[in-house]
C-alpha atoms as a PDB file:
ATOM      1  CA  MET A   1       0.273  12.467  34.815  1.00  0.00           C
ATOM      2  CA  GLU A   2      -1.768  13.114  37.944  1.00  0.00           C
ATOM      3  CA  ALA A   3      -4.979  12.981  35.925  1.00  0.00           C
ATOM      4  CA  ASN A   4      -3.997   9.613  34.459  1.00  0.00           C
ATOM      5  CA  ALA A   5      -3.105   8.240  37.876  1.00  0.00           C
ATOM      6  CA  GLN A   6      -6.453   9.362  39.278  1.00  0.00           C
ATOM      7  CA  ARG A   7      -8.267   7.834  36.303  1.00  0.00           C
ATOM      8  CA  ASP A   8      -6.505   4.505  36.863  1.00  0.00           C
ATOM      9  CA  ALA A   9      -7.233   4.592  40.597  1.00  0.00           C
ATOM     10  CA  ASP A  10     -10.916   5.290  39.977  1.00  0.00           C
ATOM     11  CA  GLY A  11     -11.014   2.621  37.284  1.00  0.00           C
ATOM     12  CA  GLN A  12      -9.400   0.027  39.553  1.00  0.00           C
ATOM     13  CA  ALA A  13     -11.854   0.836  42.342  1.00  0.00           C
ATOM     14  CA  ASN A  14     -14.814   0.412  39.998  1.00  0.00           C
ATOM     15  CA  PHE A  15     -13.349  -2.820  38.581  1.00  0.00           C
ATOM     16  CA  ASP A  16     -12.856  -4.260  42.077  1.00  0.00           C
ATOM     17  CA  ARG A  17     -16.422  -3.314  43.023  1.00  0.00           C
ATOM     18  CA  VAL A  18     -17.908  -4.945  39.916  1.00  0.00           C
ATOM     19  CA  ILE A  19     -15.959  -8.159  40.477  1.00  0.00           C
ATOM     20  CA  ALA A  20     -16.889  -8.231  44.180  1.00  0.00           C
ATOM     21  CA  GLU A  21     -20.572  -7.815  43.250  1.00  0.00           C
ATOM     22  CA  ASP A  22     -20.232 -10.667  40.728  1.00  0.00           C
ATOM     23  CA  SER A  23     -21.417  -8.308  38.009  1.00  0.00           C
ATOM     24  CA  ARG A  24     -19.956  -7.728  34.548  1.00  0.00           C
ATOM     25  CA  ILE A  25     -17.193  -5.702  32.961  1.00  0.00           C
ATOM     26  CA  GLU A  26     -18.104  -4.279  29.542  1.00  0.00           C
ATOM     27  CA  PRO A  27     -15.743  -3.259  26.690  1.00  0.00           C
ATOM     28  CA  LYS A  28     -15.751   0.492  27.479  1.00  0.00           C
ATOM     29  CA  ASP A  29     -15.092  -0.070  31.201  1.00  0.00           C
ATOM     30  CA  TRP A  30     -11.629   0.440  32.639  1.00  0.00           C
ATOM     31  CA  MET A  31      -9.902  -2.888  33.263  1.00  0.00           C
ATOM     32  CA  PRO A  32      -6.409  -3.916  34.431  1.00  0.00           C
ATOM     33  CA  ASP A  33      -3.974  -4.737  31.641  1.00  0.00           C
ATOM     34  CA  ALA A  34      -3.469  -8.240  33.072  1.00  0.00           C
ATOM     35  CA  TYR A  35      -7.252  -8.897  32.984  1.00  0.00           C
ATOM     36  CA  ARG A  36      -7.425  -7.760  29.351  1.00  0.00           C
ATOM     37  CA  LYS A  37      -4.385  -9.884  28.434  1.00  0.00           C
ATOM     38  CA  THR A  38      -5.809 -12.970  30.165  1.00  0.00           C
ATOM     39  CA  LEU A  39      -9.141 -12.588  28.382  1.00  0.00           C
ATOM     40  CA  LEU A  40      -7.487 -12.093  25.005  1.00  0.00           C
ATOM     41  CA  ARG A  41      -5.397 -15.225  25.492  1.00  0.00           C
ATOM     42  CA  GLN A  42      -8.367 -17.325  26.588  1.00  0.00           C
ATOM     43  CA  ILE A  43     -10.979 -16.064  24.104  1.00  0.00           C
ATOM     44  CA  SER A  44      -8.666 -16.118  21.061  1.00  0.00           C
ATOM     45  CA  GLN A  45      -7.474 -19.614  21.999  1.00  0.00           C
ATOM     46  CA  HIS A  46     -11.102 -20.681  22.299  1.00  0.00           C
ATOM     47  CA  ALA A  47     -11.924 -19.141  18.889  1.00  0.00           C
ATOM     48  CA  HIS A  48      -8.937 -20.851  17.246  1.00  0.00           C
ATOM     49  CA  SER A  49     -10.041 -24.169  18.756  1.00  0.00           C
ATOM     50  CA  GLU A  50     -13.491 -23.840  17.191  1.00  0.00           C
ATOM     51  CA  ILE A  51     -12.010 -23.110  13.764  1.00  0.00           C
ATOM     52  CA  ILE A  52      -9.289 -25.780  13.822  1.00  0.00           C
ATOM     53  CA  GLY A  53     -11.804 -28.185  15.373  1.00  0.00           C
ATOM     54  CA  MET A  54     -13.821 -28.130  12.145  1.00  0.00           C
ATOM     55  CA  GLN A  55     -11.134 -30.126  10.351  1.00  0.00           C
ATOM     56  CA  PRO A  56     -11.377 -33.646  11.894  1.00  0.00           C
ATOM     57  CA  GLU A  57     -15.147 -33.753  11.307  1.00  0.00           C
ATOM     58  CA  ALA A  58     -15.274 -31.925   7.961  1.00  0.00           C
ATOM     59  CA  ASN A  59     -12.992 -34.650   6.661  1.00  0.00           C
ATOM     60  CA  TRP A  60     -15.795 -37.181   7.311  1.00  0.00           C
ATOM     61  CA  ILE A  61     -18.743 -35.349   5.708  1.00  0.00           C
ATOM     62  CA  SER A  62     -18.287 -37.048   2.328  1.00  0.00           C
ATOM     63  CA  ARG A  63     -17.758 -40.437   4.026  1.00  0.00           C
ATOM     64  CA  ALA A  64     -20.719 -40.320   6.423  1.00  0.00           C
ATOM     65  CA  PRO A  65     -22.808 -43.518   6.056  1.00  0.00           C
ATOM     66  CA  SER A  66     -26.082 -41.859   4.959  1.00  0.00           C
ATOM     67  CA  LEU A  67     -27.509 -38.618   3.585  1.00  0.00           C
ATOM     68  CA  LYS A  68     -29.011 -37.914   7.024  1.00  0.00           C
ATOM     69  CA  ARG A  69     -25.631 -38.324   8.706  1.00  0.00           C
ATOM     70  CA  LYS A  70     -23.952 -36.091   6.103  1.00  0.00           C
ATOM     71  CA  ALA A  71     -26.524 -33.337   6.642  1.00  0.00           C
ATOM     72  CA  ILE A  72     -26.190 -33.507  10.451  1.00  0.00           C
ATOM     73  CA  LEU A  73     -22.399 -33.490  10.335  1.00  0.00           C
ATOM     74  CA  MET A  74     -22.350 -30.601   7.860  1.00  0.00           C
ATOM     75  CA  ALA A  75     -24.629 -28.572  10.141  1.00  0.00           C
ATOM     76  CA  LYS A  76     -22.389 -29.342  13.119  1.00  0.00           C
ATOM     77  CA  VAL A  77     -19.254 -28.169  11.297  1.00  0.00           C
ATOM     78  CA  GLN A  78     -21.074 -24.972  10.277  1.00  0.00           C
ATOM     79  CA  ASP A  79     -22.021 -24.440  13.936  1.00  0.00           C
ATOM     80  CA  GLU A  80     -18.350 -24.657  14.933  1.00  0.00           C
ATOM     81  CA  ALA A  81     -17.479 -21.985  12.357  1.00  0.00           C
ATOM     82  CA  GLY A  82     -20.178 -19.779  13.869  1.00  0.00           C
ATOM     83  CA  HIS A  83     -18.763 -20.323  17.360  1.00  0.00           C
ATOM     84  CA  GLY A  84     -15.372 -19.171  16.105  1.00  0.00           C
ATOM     85  CA  LEU A  85     -16.931 -16.006  14.682  1.00  0.00           C
ATOM     86  CA  TYR A  86     -18.784 -15.182  17.931  1.00  0.00           C
ATOM     87  CA  LEU A  87     -15.580 -15.591  19.885  1.00  0.00           C
ATOM     88  CA  TYR A  88     -13.377 -13.632  17.488  1.00  0.00           C
ATOM     89  CA  SER A  89     -15.954 -10.828  17.751  1.00  0.00           C
ATOM     90  CA  ALA A  90     -15.788 -10.988  21.562  1.00  0.00           C
ATOM     91  CA  ALA A  91     -11.980 -10.820  21.436  1.00  0.00           C
ATOM     92  CA  GLU A  92     -12.113  -7.839  19.072  1.00  0.00           C
ATOM     93  CA  THR A  93     -13.942  -5.839  21.757  1.00  0.00           C
ATOM     94  CA  LEU A  94     -10.712  -6.063  23.763  1.00  0.00           C
ATOM     95  CA  GLY A  95      -8.763  -4.234  21.063  1.00  0.00           C
ATOM     96  CA  GLN A  96      -7.277  -7.125  19.084  1.00  0.00           C
ATOM     97  CA  SER A  97      -8.121  -7.331  15.371  1.00  0.00           C
ATOM     98  CA  ARG A  98      -9.292 -10.590  13.847  1.00  0.00           C
ATOM     99  CA  ASP A  99      -6.593 -10.262  11.186  1.00  0.00           C
ATOM    100  CA  LYS A 100      -3.914 -10.228  13.897  1.00  0.00           C
ATOM    101  CA  MET A 101      -5.404 -13.243  15.664  1.00  0.00           C
ATOM    102  CA  THR A 102      -5.627 -15.166  12.388  1.00  0.00           C
ATOM    103  CA  ALA A 103      -2.055 -14.217  11.469  1.00  0.00           C
ATOM    104  CA  ASP A 104      -0.832 -15.512  14.839  1.00  0.00           C
ATOM    105  CA  LEU A 105      -2.712 -18.773  14.343  1.00  0.00           C
ATOM    106  CA  ILE A 106      -1.409 -19.580  10.859  1.00  0.00           C
ATOM    107  CA  ALA A 107       2.107 -18.528  11.883  1.00  0.00           C
ATOM    108  CA  GLY A 108       1.991 -21.125  14.662  1.00  0.00           C
ATOM    109  CA  LYS A 109       2.281 -18.469  17.404  1.00  0.00           C
ATOM    110  CA  ALA A 110      -1.191 -18.974  18.881  1.00  0.00           C
ATOM    111  CA  ARG A 111      -2.452 -22.024  20.716  1.00  0.00           C
ATOM    112  CA  TYR A 112      -5.660 -23.982  20.356  1.00  0.00           C
ATOM    113  CA  SER A 113      -7.058 -27.012  22.163  1.00  0.00           C
ATOM    114  CA  SER A 114      -4.673 -29.977  22.045  1.00  0.00           C
ATOM    115  CA  ILE A 115      -7.556 -32.402  21.352  1.00  0.00           C
ATOM    116  CA  PHE A 116      -7.813 -31.348  17.705  1.00  0.00           C
ATOM    117  CA  ASN A 117      -4.317 -32.573  16.939  1.00  0.00           C
ATOM    118  CA  TYR A 118      -5.446 -36.211  17.101  1.00  0.00           C
ATOM    119  CA  PRO A 119      -6.619 -38.065  13.957  1.00  0.00           C
ATOM    120  CA  ALA A 120     -10.222 -39.183  13.385  1.00  0.00           C
ATOM    121  CA  ARG A 121      -9.653 -42.705  12.044  1.00  0.00           C
ATOM    122  CA  THR A 122     -13.162 -44.190  11.700  1.00  0.00           C
ATOM    123  CA  TRP A 123     -16.801 -43.118  11.524  1.00  0.00           C
ATOM    124  CA  ALA A 124     -17.109 -44.032  15.210  1.00  0.00           C
ATOM    125  CA  ASP A 125     -14.683 -41.195  15.933  1.00  0.00           C
ATOM    126  CA  MET A 126     -17.461 -38.787  14.937  1.00  0.00           C
ATOM    127  CA  GLY A 127     -19.493 -40.271  17.770  1.00  0.00           C
ATOM    128  CA  ALA A 128     -16.597 -40.157  20.251  1.00  0.00           C
ATOM    129  CA  ILE A 129     -15.750 -36.563  19.326  1.00  0.00           C
ATOM    130  CA  GLY A 130     -19.379 -35.512  19.793  1.00  0.00           C
ATOM    131  CA  TRP A 131     -19.904 -37.422  23.025  1.00  0.00           C
ATOM    132  CA  LEU A 132     -16.524 -36.962  24.735  1.00  0.00           C
ATOM    133  CA  VAL A 133     -14.977 -33.850  23.178  1.00  0.00           C
ATOM    134  CA  ASP A 134     -18.147 -31.770  22.946  1.00  0.00           C
ATOM    135  CA  GLY A 135     -19.244 -33.215  26.296  1.00  0.00           C
ATOM    136  CA  ALA A 136     -16.015 -31.956  27.887  1.00  0.00           C
ATOM    137  CA  ALA A 137     -16.492 -28.624  26.135  1.00  0.00           C
ATOM    138  CA  ILE A 138     -19.981 -28.237  27.626  1.00  0.00           C
ATOM    139  CA  CYS A 139     -18.736 -29.115  31.110  1.00  0.00           C
ATOM    140  CA  ASN A 140     -15.996 -26.504  30.743  1.00  0.00           C
ATOM    141  CA  GLN A 141     -18.033 -23.824  28.989  1.00  0.00           C
ATOM    142  CA  VAL A 142     -21.385 -23.724  30.796  1.00  0.00           C
ATOM    143  CA  PRO A 143     -19.769 -21.952  33.797  1.00  0.00           C
ATOM    144  CA  LEU A 144     -18.247 -19.470  31.311  1.00  0.00           C
ATOM    145  CA  CYS A 145     -21.786 -18.213  30.573  1.00  0.00           C
ATOM    146  CA  ARG A 146     -21.327 -16.383  33.911  1.00  0.00           C
ATOM    147  CA  ALA A 147     -17.867 -15.029  33.013  1.00  0.00           C
ATOM    148  CA  SER A 148     -17.246 -11.527  34.322  1.00  0.00           C
ATOM    149  CA  TYR A 149     -16.524 -10.117  30.853  1.00  0.00           C
ATOM    150  CA  GLY A 150     -19.900  -9.400  29.226  1.00  0.00           C
ATOM    151  CA  PRO A 151     -19.210 -10.163  25.529  1.00  0.00           C
ATOM    152  CA  TYR A 152     -17.563 -13.499  26.406  1.00  0.00           C
ATOM    153  CA  GLY A 153     -20.332 -14.638  28.729  1.00  0.00           C
ATOM    154  CA  ARG A 154     -23.074 -13.709  26.269  1.00  0.00           C
ATOM    155  CA  ALA A 155     -21.316 -15.469  23.364  1.00  0.00           C
ATOM    156  CA  MET A 156     -21.044 -18.628  25.468  1.00  0.00           C
ATOM    157  CA  VAL A 157     -24.816 -18.856  26.005  1.00  0.00           C
ATOM    158  CA  ARG A 158     -25.485 -19.656  22.363  1.00  0.00           C
ATOM    159  CA  VAL A 159     -22.313 -21.726  21.972  1.00  0.00           C
ATOM    160  CA  CYS A 160     -23.359 -23.982  24.861  1.00  0.00           C
ATOM    161  CA  LYS A 161     -26.871 -24.525  23.487  1.00  0.00           C
ATOM    162  CA  GLU A 162     -25.424 -25.727  20.177  1.00  0.00           C
ATOM    163  CA  GLU A 163     -22.710 -27.803  21.844  1.00  0.00           C
ATOM    164  CA  SER A 164     -25.464 -29.649  23.731  1.00  0.00           C
ATOM    165  CA  PHE A 165     -26.919 -30.738  20.404  1.00  0.00           C
ATOM    166  CA  HIS A 166     -23.459 -31.787  19.224  1.00  0.00           C
ATOM    167  CA  GLN A 167     -22.925 -33.923  22.309  1.00  0.00           C
ATOM    168  CA  ARG A 168     -26.278 -35.660  21.819  1.00  0.00           C
ATOM    169  CA  GLN A 169     -25.628 -36.427  18.159  1.00  0.00           C
ATOM    170  CA  GLY A 170     -22.281 -37.983  19.125  1.00  0.00           C
ATOM    171  CA  PHE A 171     -23.965 -40.074  21.815  1.00  0.00           C
ATOM    172  CA  GLU A 172     -26.578 -41.218  19.302  1.00  0.00           C
ATOM    173  CA  ILE A 173     -23.918 -42.292  16.779  1.00  0.00           C
ATOM    174  CA  LEU A 174     -22.170 -44.386  19.435  1.00  0.00           C
ATOM    175  CA  LEU A 175     -25.486 -45.819  20.691  1.00  0.00           C
ATOM    176  CA  GLU A 176     -26.384 -46.992  17.192  1.00  0.00           C
ATOM    177  CA  LEU A 177     -22.968 -48.547  16.637  1.00  0.00           C
ATOM    178  CA  ALA A 178     -22.914 -50.156  20.097  1.00  0.00           C
ATOM    179  CA  HIS A 179     -26.200 -51.905  19.307  1.00  0.00           C
ATOM    180  CA  GLY A 180     -25.154 -52.906  15.786  1.00  0.00           C
ATOM    181  CA  THR A 181     -22.942 -55.776  14.689  1.00  0.00           C
ATOM    182  CA  PRO A 182     -20.053 -56.984  16.903  1.00  0.00           C
ATOM    183  CA  GLU A 183     -17.674 -55.223  14.498  1.00  0.00           C
ATOM    184  CA  GLN A 184     -19.568 -51.937  14.810  1.00  0.00           C
ATOM    185  CA  LYS A 185     -19.613 -52.192  18.612  1.00  0.00           C
ATOM    186  CA  GLN A 186     -15.859 -52.831  18.647  1.00  0.00           C
ATOM    187  CA  MET A 187     -15.318 -49.813  16.379  1.00  0.00           C
ATOM    188  CA  ALA A 188     -17.274 -47.651  18.856  1.00  0.00           C
ATOM    189  CA  GLN A 189     -15.284 -49.029  21.808  1.00  0.00           C
ATOM    190  CA  ASP A 190     -11.971 -48.405  20.013  1.00  0.00           C
ATOM    191  CA  ALA A 191     -12.966 -44.800  19.351  1.00  0.00           C
ATOM    192  CA  VAL A 192     -13.916 -44.238  23.005  1.00  0.00           C
ATOM    193  CA  ASN A 193     -10.602 -45.805  24.067  1.00  0.00           C
ATOM    194  CA  ARG A 194      -8.629 -43.388  21.848  1.00  0.00           C
ATOM    195  CA  TRP A 195     -10.489 -40.176  22.737  1.00  0.00           C
ATOM    196  CA  TYR A 196     -11.054 -40.687  26.482  1.00  0.00           C
ATOM    197  CA  ALA A 197      -7.665 -39.492  27.807  1.00  0.00           C
ATOM    198  CA  PRO A 198      -7.272 -36.548  25.383  1.00  0.00           C
ATOM    199  CA  ALA A 199     -10.810 -35.440  26.340  1.00  0.00           C
ATOM    200  CA  LEU A 200      -9.875 -35.399  30.041  1.00  0.00           C
ATOM    201  CA  MET A 201      -6.799 -33.324  29.198  1.00  0.00           C
ATOM    202  CA  MET A 202      -9.019 -30.689  27.560  1.00  0.00           C
ATOM    203  CA  PHE A 203      -9.598 -29.209  31.021  1.00  0.00           C
ATOM    204  CA  GLY A 204      -5.948 -28.232  31.185  1.00  0.00           C
ATOM    205  CA  PRO A 205      -3.106 -29.333  33.451  1.00  0.00           C
ATOM    206  CA  PRO A 206      -3.658 -30.299  37.111  1.00  0.00           C
ATOM    207  CA  ASP A 207      -4.427 -27.355  39.376  1.00  0.00           C
ATOM    208  CA  ASP A 208      -0.943 -27.413  40.907  1.00  0.00           C
ATOM    209  CA  ASP A 209       0.568 -26.931  37.424  1.00  0.00           C
ATOM    210  CA  SER A 210      -1.923 -24.390  36.086  1.00  0.00           C
ATOM    211  CA  PRO A 211      -0.408 -20.901  36.409  1.00  0.00           C
ATOM    212  CA  ASN A 212      -3.468 -19.007  35.159  1.00  0.00           C
ATOM    213  CA  SER A 213      -6.418 -20.734  36.844  1.00  0.00           C
ATOM    214  CA  LYS A 214      -6.194 -19.129  40.286  1.00  0.00           C
ATOM    215  CA  GLN A 215      -6.166 -15.552  38.980  1.00  0.00           C
ATOM    216  CA  SER A 216      -8.895 -16.304  36.405  1.00  0.00           C
ATOM    217  CA  MET A 217     -11.115 -17.580  39.208  1.00  0.00           C
ATOM    218  CA  ALA A 218     -10.353 -14.515  41.343  1.00  0.00           C
ATOM    219  CA  TRP A 219     -11.542 -12.365  38.426  1.00  0.00           C
ATOM    220  CA  ASN A 220     -14.693 -14.514  37.966  1.00  0.00           C
ATOM    221  CA  ILE A 221     -13.661 -15.479  34.438  1.00  0.00           C
ATOM    222  CA  LYS A 222     -13.466 -19.137  35.452  1.00  0.00           C
ATOM    223  CA  ARG A 223     -15.790 -20.486  38.139  1.00  0.00           C
ATOM    224  CA  PHE A 224     -14.224 -23.883  38.806  1.00  0.00           C
ATOM    225  CA  SER A 225     -10.678 -25.235  38.720  1.00  0.00           C
ATOM    226  CA  ASN A 226      -9.391 -27.635  36.043  1.00  0.00           C
ATOM    227  CA  ASP A 227      -9.457 -30.608  38.417  1.00  0.00           C
ATOM    228  CA  GLU A 228     -12.969 -29.816  39.680  1.00  0.00           C
ATOM    229  CA  LEU A 229     -14.329 -29.711  36.132  1.00  0.00           C
ATOM    230  CA  ARG A 230     -12.455 -32.883  35.159  1.00  0.00           C
ATOM    231  CA  SER A 231     -13.937 -34.726  38.129  1.00  0.00           C
ATOM    232  CA  ARG A 232     -17.468 -33.603  37.208  1.00  0.00           C
ATOM    233  CA  PHE A 233     -16.945 -34.735  33.621  1.00  0.00           C
ATOM    234  CA  VAL A 234     -15.781 -38.200  34.688  1.00  0.00           C
ATOM    235  CA  GLY A 235     -18.895 -38.561  36.829  1.00  0.00           C
ATOM    236  CA  MET A 236     -21.108 -37.651  33.863  1.00  0.00           C
ATOM    237  CA  MET A 237     -19.376 -40.121  31.563  1.00  0.00           C
ATOM    238  CA  VAL A 238     -19.572 -42.995  34.068  1.00  0.00           C
ATOM    239  CA  GLU A 239     -23.367 -42.834  34.003  1.00  0.00           C
ATOM    240  CA  GLN A 240     -23.715 -42.327  30.253  1.00  0.00           C
ATOM    241  CA  VAL A 241     -21.291 -45.068  29.181  1.00  0.00           C
ATOM    242  CA  ARG A 242     -23.506 -47.628  30.917  1.00  0.00           C
ATOM    243  CA  VAL A 243     -26.413 -46.619  28.678  1.00  0.00           C
ATOM    244  CA  LEU A 244     -24.164 -46.996  25.641  1.00  0.00           C
ATOM    245  CA  GLY A 245     -23.164 -50.503  26.701  1.00  0.00           C
ATOM    246  CA  LEU A 246     -19.482 -49.577  26.350  1.00  0.00           C
ATOM    247  CA  THR A 247     -16.709 -49.045  28.903  1.00  0.00           C
ATOM    248  CA  LEU A 248     -14.274 -46.260  29.741  1.00  0.00           C
ATOM    249  CA  PRO A 249     -10.609 -47.330  29.387  1.00  0.00           C
ATOM    250  CA  ASP A 250      -9.808 -46.474  32.986  1.00  0.00           C
ATOM    251  CA  SER A 251      -9.881 -49.142  35.702  1.00  0.00           C
ATOM    252  CA  GLU A 252      -9.116 -46.607  38.438  1.00  0.00           C
ATOM    253  CA  ILE A 253     -12.305 -44.546  38.179  1.00  0.00           C
ATOM    254  CA  ARG A 254     -14.025 -44.340  41.557  1.00  0.00           C
ATOM    255  CA  PHE A 255     -16.198 -42.011  43.609  1.00  0.00           C
ATOM    256  CA  ASN A 256     -14.340 -40.796  46.679  1.00  0.00           C
ATOM    257  CA  GLU A 257     -16.864 -40.731  49.523  1.00  0.00           C
ATOM    258  CA  ASP A 258     -14.617 -38.497  51.620  1.00  0.00           C
ATOM    259  CA  THR A 259     -14.147 -35.735  49.038  1.00  0.00           C
ATOM    260  CA  LYS A 260     -17.465 -36.441  47.241  1.00  0.00           C
ATOM    261  CA  LYS A 261     -15.591 -36.261  43.948  1.00  0.00           C
ATOM    262  CA  TRP A 262     -14.937 -38.648  41.081  1.00  0.00           C
ATOM    263  CA  GLU A 263     -11.333 -39.741  40.627  1.00  0.00           C
ATOM    264  CA  HIS A 264      -9.639 -41.213  37.547  1.00  0.00           C
ATOM    265  CA  GLY A 265      -6.413 -42.967  36.649  1.00  0.00           C
ATOM    266  CA  PRO A 266      -3.168 -41.136  35.782  1.00  0.00           C
ATOM    267  CA  LEU A 267      -2.946 -39.146  32.560  1.00  0.00           C
ATOM    268  CA  ASP A 268       0.147 -38.770  30.387  1.00  0.00           C
ATOM    269  CA  TRP A 269       0.908 -35.088  30.893  1.00  0.00           C
ATOM    270  CA  ASN A 270       4.146 -35.387  28.930  1.00  0.00           C
ATOM    271  CA  GLU A 271       2.033 -36.252  25.896  1.00  0.00           C
ATOM    272  CA  PHE A 272      -0.226 -33.270  26.624  1.00  0.00           C
ATOM    273  CA  HIS A 273       2.714 -30.846  26.692  1.00  0.00           C
ATOM    274  CA  GLU A 274       4.236 -32.386  23.540  1.00  0.00           C
ATOM    275  CA  VAL A 275       0.981 -31.920  21.612  1.00  0.00           C
ATOM    276  CA  LEU A 276       0.577 -28.399  22.987  1.00  0.00           C
ATOM    277  CA  ALA A 277       4.120 -27.589  21.866  1.00  0.00           C
ATOM    278  CA  GLY A 278       3.245 -28.515  18.288  1.00  0.00           C
ATOM    279  CA  ARG A 279       4.575 -32.087  18.254  1.00  0.00           C
ATOM    280  CA  GLY A 280       1.252 -33.988  18.206  1.00  0.00           C
ATOM    281  CA  PRO A 281       0.099 -36.458  15.531  1.00  0.00           C
ATOM    282  CA  CYS A 282      -1.681 -33.831  13.402  1.00  0.00           C
ATOM    283  CA  ASN A 283      -0.326 -30.400  14.444  1.00  0.00           C
ATOM    284  CA  ALA A 284       1.508 -29.724  11.178  1.00  0.00           C
ATOM    285  CA  GLN A 285      -1.404 -30.967   9.058  1.00  0.00           C
ATOM    286  CA  ARG A 286      -3.984 -28.867  10.910  1.00  0.00           C
ATOM    287  CA  LEU A 287      -1.989 -25.643  10.480  1.00  0.00           C
ATOM    288  CA  GLU A 288      -1.187 -26.388   6.843  1.00  0.00           C
ATOM    289  CA  ARG A 289      -4.898 -26.899   6.063  1.00  0.00           C
ATOM    290  CA  ARG A 290      -5.733 -23.657   7.897  1.00  0.00           C
ATOM    291  CA  ARG A 291      -3.132 -21.745   5.851  1.00  0.00           C
ATOM    292  CA  GLU A 292      -4.518 -23.207   2.615  1.00  0.00           C
ATOM    293  CA  ALA A 293      -8.075 -22.263   3.577  1.00  0.00           C
ATOM    294  CA  HIS A 294      -6.938 -18.728   4.457  1.00  0.00           C
ATOM    295  CA  ASP A 295      -5.182 -18.327   1.099  1.00  0.00           C
ATOM    296  CA  ASP A 296      -8.097 -19.831  -0.834  1.00  0.00           C
ATOM    297  CA  GLY A 297     -10.485 -17.433   0.890  1.00  0.00           C
ATOM    298  CA  ALA A 298      -8.552 -14.279  -0.016  1.00  0.00           C
ATOM    299  CA  TRP A 299     -10.911 -13.449  -2.900  1.00  0.00           C
ATOM    300  CA  VAL A 300     -13.934 -13.702  -0.568  1.00  0.00           C
ATOM    301  CA  ARG A 301     -12.386 -11.247   1.906  1.00  0.00           C
ATOM    302  CA  GLU A 302     -11.476  -8.863  -0.930  1.00  0.00           C
ATOM    303  CA  ALA A 303     -14.998  -9.037  -2.378  1.00  0.00           C
ATOM    304  CA  ALA A 304     -16.574  -8.448   1.054  1.00  0.00           C
ATOM    305  CA  ALA A 305     -14.293  -5.465   1.699  1.00  0.00           C
ATOM    306  CA  ALA A 306     -15.128  -3.966  -1.728  1.00  0.00           C
ATOM    307  CA  TYR A 307     -18.865  -4.433  -1.085  1.00  0.00           C
ATOM    308  CA  ALA A 308     -18.594  -2.839   2.372  1.00  0.00           C
ATOM    309  CA  ALA A 309     -16.698   0.141   0.926  1.00  0.00           C
ATOM    310  CA  LYS A 310     -19.376   0.538  -1.766  1.00  0.00           C
ATOM    311  CA  GLN A 311     -22.177   0.446   0.812  1.00  0.00           C
ATOM    312  CA  SER A 312     -20.346   2.946   3.024  1.00  0.00           C
ATOM    313  CA  LEU A 313     -19.974   5.343   0.084  1.00  0.00           C
ATOM    314  CA  LYS A 314     -23.687   5.053  -0.700  1.00  0.00           C
ATOM    315  CA  THR A 315     -24.561   5.792   2.916  1.00  0.00           C
ATOM    316  CA  LYS A 316     -22.420   8.932   2.871  1.00  0.00           C
ATOM    317  CA  GLU A 317     -23.980  10.076  -0.428  1.00  0.00           C
ATOM    318  CA  TYR A 318     -27.499   9.637   0.976  1.00  0.00           C
ATOM    319  CA  ALA A 319     -26.533  11.548   4.117  1.00  0.00           C
ATOM    320  CA  ALA A 320     -24.987  14.435   2.142  1.00  0.00           C
END
């Protein structure tokens, strides 16, 4: 007992030093249970979001207006699958198996970003998702490249590079539509109108209602609060929407000279909590499709496991 207590005391002292030095905790380092639990919640939720987030866009691959657009959209959806794999791998270093995380997701026990429970109604939604949703993701995730947990921060470096491409392809889709026929421009504006508020909610509830943000920032997992990131994002969009020739559906956007921050109109947080609780427009459909994909992929997992077992046996035979 005394040895364990001394080990925990030494571990806590080293953890505190590493955080104070703004350095990194690695998987074999001692860490507080609450830190591990917070990371598991955040990284697994992020991984689930990448995987569920494939669905709205994958549904448009066959309906993209040209071969070029199909190829780009297919590559983007494949990127999102890769992001999910990086993040599941990072979460596994904390002691949680991917099978358990997947089981929690398809059982409806695990959360993912609320934004992916909204329908993609037109081709312009592919532009709005890329520009607004991936744009919000970049704003939120670039600071995570400096997260105090090593595997998470390193995974985010590559994720952010690819998300930058995704945001640009969304912007380019909207730019083309906005300079097309009046009907195409209206389709682009309608898509921006529908995705603007859900994109702002991606940063999470207001700081006063966010129970996890303060501790995550103290541990250097997060670097900025939800409201700080949301304000930055609004400022970015204000400049870019002018280039598109479209408008943001928010008459209350303004730059506050006193606080030096961008402000926006009120958001419907009741809607946010309803979607997060599983009562959004597409929650049931998204989980049903994920369960189907998991069942359909059973033979692939079995084949991969059999191949791995065969390779392991060969390795042992060579070593003997």
